[in-house]
Protein backbone atom coordinates (compact mmCIF):
# COMPACT_ATOMS: atom_id res chain seq x y z
CA MET A 1 86.17 142.80 169.72
CA PRO A 2 85.19 141.91 166.19
CA SER A 3 81.60 142.57 165.05
CA ALA A 4 79.24 141.08 162.55
CA LEU A 5 75.97 142.31 161.07
CA PHE A 6 73.30 139.68 160.28
CA VAL A 7 70.85 140.55 157.58
CA VAL A 8 67.70 138.32 158.05
CA SER A 9 64.63 137.80 156.01
CA GLU A 10 61.16 138.89 157.16
CA GLU A 11 59.70 136.51 154.48
CA GLY A 12 61.07 133.23 155.89
CA TYR A 13 64.58 132.66 157.04
CA TRP A 14 65.83 129.10 157.68
CA GLY A 15 66.42 128.68 161.35
CA GLU A 16 69.72 126.81 161.47
CA GLU A 17 71.33 129.01 158.77
CA CYS A 18 70.86 131.99 161.00
CA VAL A 19 70.97 130.74 164.57
CA GLU A 20 74.00 128.41 164.10
CA PRO A 21 76.28 131.11 162.71
CA LEU A 22 74.83 133.70 165.10
CA GLN A 23 75.51 131.50 168.15
CA THR A 24 78.84 130.19 166.87
CA LEU A 25 80.21 133.78 166.36
CA ASP A 26 78.70 134.90 169.64
CA ASP A 27 80.56 132.17 171.47
CA ALA A 28 83.68 133.28 169.98
CA GLY A 29 83.27 136.79 171.24
CA VAL A 30 81.94 138.53 168.14
CA GLU A 31 79.57 141.35 168.69
CA ILE A 32 76.39 140.71 166.89
CA THR A 33 73.80 143.16 165.33
CA VAL A 34 70.75 141.99 163.55
CA ALA A 35 69.12 143.87 160.72
CA THR A 36 66.10 143.18 158.48
CA PRO A 37 64.71 144.98 155.37
CA SER A 38 62.07 147.10 157.29
CA GLY A 39 63.41 146.82 160.90
CA SER A 40 60.60 144.42 161.88
CA PRO A 41 61.63 141.18 163.57
CA PRO A 42 62.61 138.46 161.05
CA VAL A 43 60.15 135.63 160.47
CA ILE A 44 61.39 132.13 160.67
CA ASP A 45 60.39 129.53 158.01
CA PRO A 46 58.15 127.15 160.04
CA THR A 47 59.51 124.08 158.16
CA SER A 48 62.99 124.89 159.69
CA THR A 49 61.40 124.21 163.21
CA ASP A 50 59.83 120.94 162.07
CA PRO A 51 61.94 118.01 163.41
CA ASP A 52 60.36 115.87 160.60
CA ALA A 53 61.47 118.22 157.89
CA PRO A 54 64.69 117.65 155.94
CA PHE A 55 67.93 119.08 157.53
CA VAL A 56 66.10 119.31 160.75
CA ASP A 57 66.10 117.25 163.99
CA GLU A 58 64.42 117.77 167.43
CA GLU A 59 67.53 119.34 169.02
CA THR A 60 67.96 121.80 166.03
CA ALA A 61 64.14 122.52 165.96
CA GLU A 62 64.19 123.47 169.69
CA ARG A 63 67.30 125.59 169.65
CA VAL A 64 66.11 127.62 166.61
CA LYS A 65 62.63 128.09 168.02
CA ASP A 66 64.12 129.28 171.38
CA ALA A 67 66.49 131.71 169.57
CA ASP A 68 63.74 133.02 167.25
CA GLU A 69 61.49 133.78 170.25
CA ASN A 70 63.93 134.86 172.92
CA ASP A 71 67.11 136.27 171.28
CA GLU A 72 66.90 140.00 171.89
CA ARG A 73 68.86 140.79 168.90
CA LEU A 74 66.52 138.90 166.57
CA ASN A 75 63.49 140.55 168.24
CA ASN A 76 64.81 144.10 168.00
CA PRO A 77 66.56 144.47 164.61
CA GLU A 78 67.74 147.51 162.82
CA PRO A 79 66.42 148.55 159.43
CA ILE A 80 69.07 147.73 156.75
CA ALA A 81 68.89 151.22 155.31
CA SER A 82 70.19 152.52 158.61
CA VAL A 83 73.33 150.39 158.96
CA SER A 84 76.66 150.40 157.10
CA ALA A 85 79.05 147.41 156.31
CA ALA A 86 81.86 149.78 157.03
CA ASP A 87 80.92 149.60 160.82
CA TYR A 88 81.36 145.78 160.98
CA ASP A 89 84.10 143.29 160.35
CA ALA A 90 81.71 141.00 158.61
CA VAL A 91 78.19 140.96 157.17
CA VAL A 92 76.26 137.61 157.26
CA PHE A 93 73.34 136.84 155.04
CA PRO A 94 71.47 133.60 156.24
CA GLY A 95 69.38 131.79 153.74
CA GLY A 96 65.93 130.44 153.38
CA HIS A 97 63.48 130.55 150.48
CA GLY A 98 62.11 133.83 152.07
CA THR A 99 65.21 135.72 150.99
CA GLU A 100 64.09 135.43 147.36
CA TRP A 101 61.33 137.90 148.11
CA ASP A 102 63.04 140.44 150.27
CA VAL A 103 66.80 140.43 151.10
CA ASN A 104 68.10 139.35 147.65
CA GLN A 105 65.79 142.08 145.93
CA ASP A 106 66.66 144.87 148.48
CA LYS A 107 68.87 147.64 147.14
CA HIS A 108 70.34 148.28 150.68
CA ALA A 109 71.19 144.66 151.17
CA ARG A 110 72.89 144.68 147.77
CA GLN A 111 74.91 147.77 148.96
CA LEU A 112 75.80 146.06 152.08
CA VAL A 113 77.25 142.90 150.45
CA SER A 114 79.06 145.04 147.87
CA GLU A 115 80.53 147.25 150.52
CA ALA A 116 81.64 144.15 152.66
CA VAL A 117 83.68 142.65 149.93
CA SER A 118 85.06 145.87 148.52
CA GLY A 119 88.55 146.92 149.56
CA ASP A 120 90.74 144.97 152.15
CA GLU A 121 88.79 145.34 155.39
CA GLY A 122 85.32 143.63 155.29
CA LYS A 123 84.12 140.09 154.98
CA ALA A 124 80.82 138.68 153.86
CA MET A 125 79.22 135.14 154.45
CA VAL A 126 76.20 134.31 152.34
CA VAL A 127 74.21 131.09 152.78
CA CYS A 128 71.86 128.90 150.74
CA HIS A 129 69.16 130.84 148.85
CA ALA A 130 70.66 134.30 149.93
CA VAL A 131 73.46 133.39 147.52
CA ALA A 132 71.36 134.65 144.65
CA LEU A 133 72.11 138.16 146.15
CA LEU A 134 75.58 137.74 144.67
CA ALA A 135 74.04 137.65 141.20
CA PHE A 136 72.03 140.83 141.66
CA ALA A 137 74.48 143.00 143.71
CA LYS A 138 77.07 144.83 141.75
CA GLY A 139 80.84 145.06 142.74
CA GLU A 140 83.04 148.27 142.40
CA ASP A 141 83.63 147.35 138.70
CA GLY A 142 79.92 147.42 137.99
CA ASP A 143 79.80 143.63 137.37
CA PRO A 144 77.76 141.22 139.49
CA ILE A 145 79.67 140.18 142.63
CA ALA A 146 79.27 136.56 141.52
CA ASN A 147 81.05 137.17 138.28
CA GLY A 148 84.37 135.19 138.21
CA ARG A 149 84.02 134.08 141.81
CA ASP A 150 83.89 130.50 143.10
CA VAL A 151 80.41 130.13 144.84
CA THR A 152 78.42 127.35 146.55
CA GLY A 153 74.78 127.61 147.39
CA PHE A 154 71.49 125.83 147.37
CA PRO A 155 71.42 123.73 144.11
CA ASN A 156 68.79 123.30 141.46
CA GLU A 157 68.79 119.50 142.16
CA TRP A 158 67.51 120.11 145.77
CA ASP A 159 64.97 122.68 144.82
CA GLU A 160 63.53 120.27 142.24
CA ASP A 161 62.63 117.99 145.17
CA ILE A 162 60.85 120.83 146.96
CA VAL A 163 58.73 122.64 144.31
CA ASP A 164 56.00 121.16 142.21
CA ASP A 165 55.90 121.16 138.39
CA ASN A 166 54.85 124.82 138.41
CA ASP A 167 57.70 125.86 140.70
CA VAL A 168 55.30 126.33 143.58
CA LEU A 169 56.74 125.75 147.08
CA PRO A 170 54.64 123.81 149.73
CA ASP A 171 53.60 127.17 151.20
CA GLY A 172 51.84 128.14 147.95
CA ARG A 173 54.32 130.77 146.85
CA LYS A 174 55.92 130.33 143.33
CA MET A 175 59.65 130.41 143.50
CA PRO A 176 60.54 133.45 141.48
CA TYR A 177 64.07 132.30 140.45
CA TRP A 178 66.58 129.48 141.07
CA VAL A 179 69.71 130.43 142.77
CA GLU A 180 72.06 128.29 140.86
CA ASP A 181 70.70 129.54 137.51
CA GLU A 182 71.03 133.16 138.66
CA VAL A 183 74.70 132.77 139.85
CA GLU A 184 75.78 131.07 136.65
CA ALA A 185 74.03 133.69 134.50
CA ALA A 186 75.99 136.26 136.43
CA GLY A 187 79.25 134.48 135.61
CA GLY A 188 79.79 132.74 138.95
CA ASN A 189 81.82 129.58 139.05
CA TRP A 190 79.16 127.42 140.69
CA ASP A 191 79.97 124.19 142.61
CA ALA A 192 77.54 123.02 145.26
CA GLU A 193 79.59 119.79 145.85
CA ILE A 194 76.38 117.74 146.15
CA ASP A 195 78.19 114.55 146.97
CA SER A 196 79.79 116.21 150.02
CA ASP A 197 78.42 116.40 153.48
CA VAL A 198 79.08 120.14 153.68
CA SER A 199 80.05 122.70 151.16
CA VAL A 200 81.80 126.02 152.05
CA THR A 201 83.67 128.11 149.53
CA VAL A 202 86.02 130.94 150.22
CA ASP A 203 86.83 133.41 147.36
CA GLY A 204 88.71 136.42 148.71
CA ASP A 205 86.71 138.29 151.21
CA LEU A 206 83.58 136.16 150.41
CA VAL A 207 82.48 133.04 152.17
CA THR A 208 79.48 131.01 150.78
CA ALA A 209 77.79 128.02 152.43
CA ARG A 210 75.46 125.59 150.57
CA GLY A 211 72.66 125.10 153.15
CA PRO A 212 71.73 124.16 156.79
CA GLU A 213 74.22 121.35 157.17
CA SER A 214 77.04 123.73 156.13
CA SER A 215 76.08 126.49 158.52
CA HIS A 216 78.54 125.52 161.33
CA GLU A 217 81.50 125.11 159.01
CA GLY A 218 80.56 128.31 157.24
CA ALA A 219 80.60 130.12 160.65
CA THR A 220 83.92 128.59 161.69
CA THR A 221 85.38 129.39 158.28
CA LEU A 222 84.34 133.05 158.65
CA LEU A 223 85.96 133.15 162.18
CA GLU A 224 89.11 131.90 160.68
CA GLU A 225 89.04 134.47 157.91
CA LEU A 226 88.48 137.18 160.59
CA GLY A 227 91.51 135.79 162.53
CA VAL A 228 89.28 134.98 165.58
CA GLU A 229 90.61 131.96 167.58
CA ILE A 230 88.06 129.22 167.87
CA THR A 231 87.86 127.69 171.36
CA ALA A 232 86.42 124.31 172.01
C-alpha cells in the first residue's frame, strides 16, 4: 500500500487544499500520516470554512469543517522533526497563508521536501502558498529546489486582491513575503496559468498546484505519478 505524509500548518491551513488531497488519496488506498511543526493539531484558516469566501461553497465549507474536527489523523499529528520522507512514497504540503509563518520557515519541513525529491523514489506535492518552501529549501546540489524547475502556485495578482496597501491580510497579519517573488528569485520557472480554471505542474518528482480549485487535479496527478489506479 502506498503512503503519504501530509505536512500541515498550525498557523492557518486552507481547508480544501488539505482535505481534498487527503480524502482523494485516502479513497485510492493511500495510507495517510499527518505531521505539523510542533506536533499540535493543525489550525484551519476560518476563511476557508466560510461559504461566502472566494474559492469556497457550502458543500466545501461543511466538508472541510467536518474533516478538521473529526479526522483522527488531523487531530493527532506527528511532529515533523520525528518523521522522515524516506518512510513515505510522497510528502504533501497543503497551502494557506499560514504556511508563510511556520511550514515554509521550518528547517525540518525543508529537509522533508528536499529528501522527497532527491533520488528516484520519493515524490512531493506542494500547494498554493506552501510553494514558497521550494524557494527556501535546498536540493542535493545546494541550490534552491525551485531553481530551474517549472512551478505553479498562488500568484501575486491574487494576493494583491487580498492584502491592503501595507500587505496586511484581513486577519491583521502582515504577509511577510510573496510566493511568486520568492520562487522567481530562487530561479524557478513560474507560470500560475491565471487564465486557466486549474493549474497543476509536474517537474520530475515534484507536483505543484496553484490553489484551492487545483487541489483535486493536483491529488489525482500525484496518484498518477505514484502509479496508483484511480477508481471512479
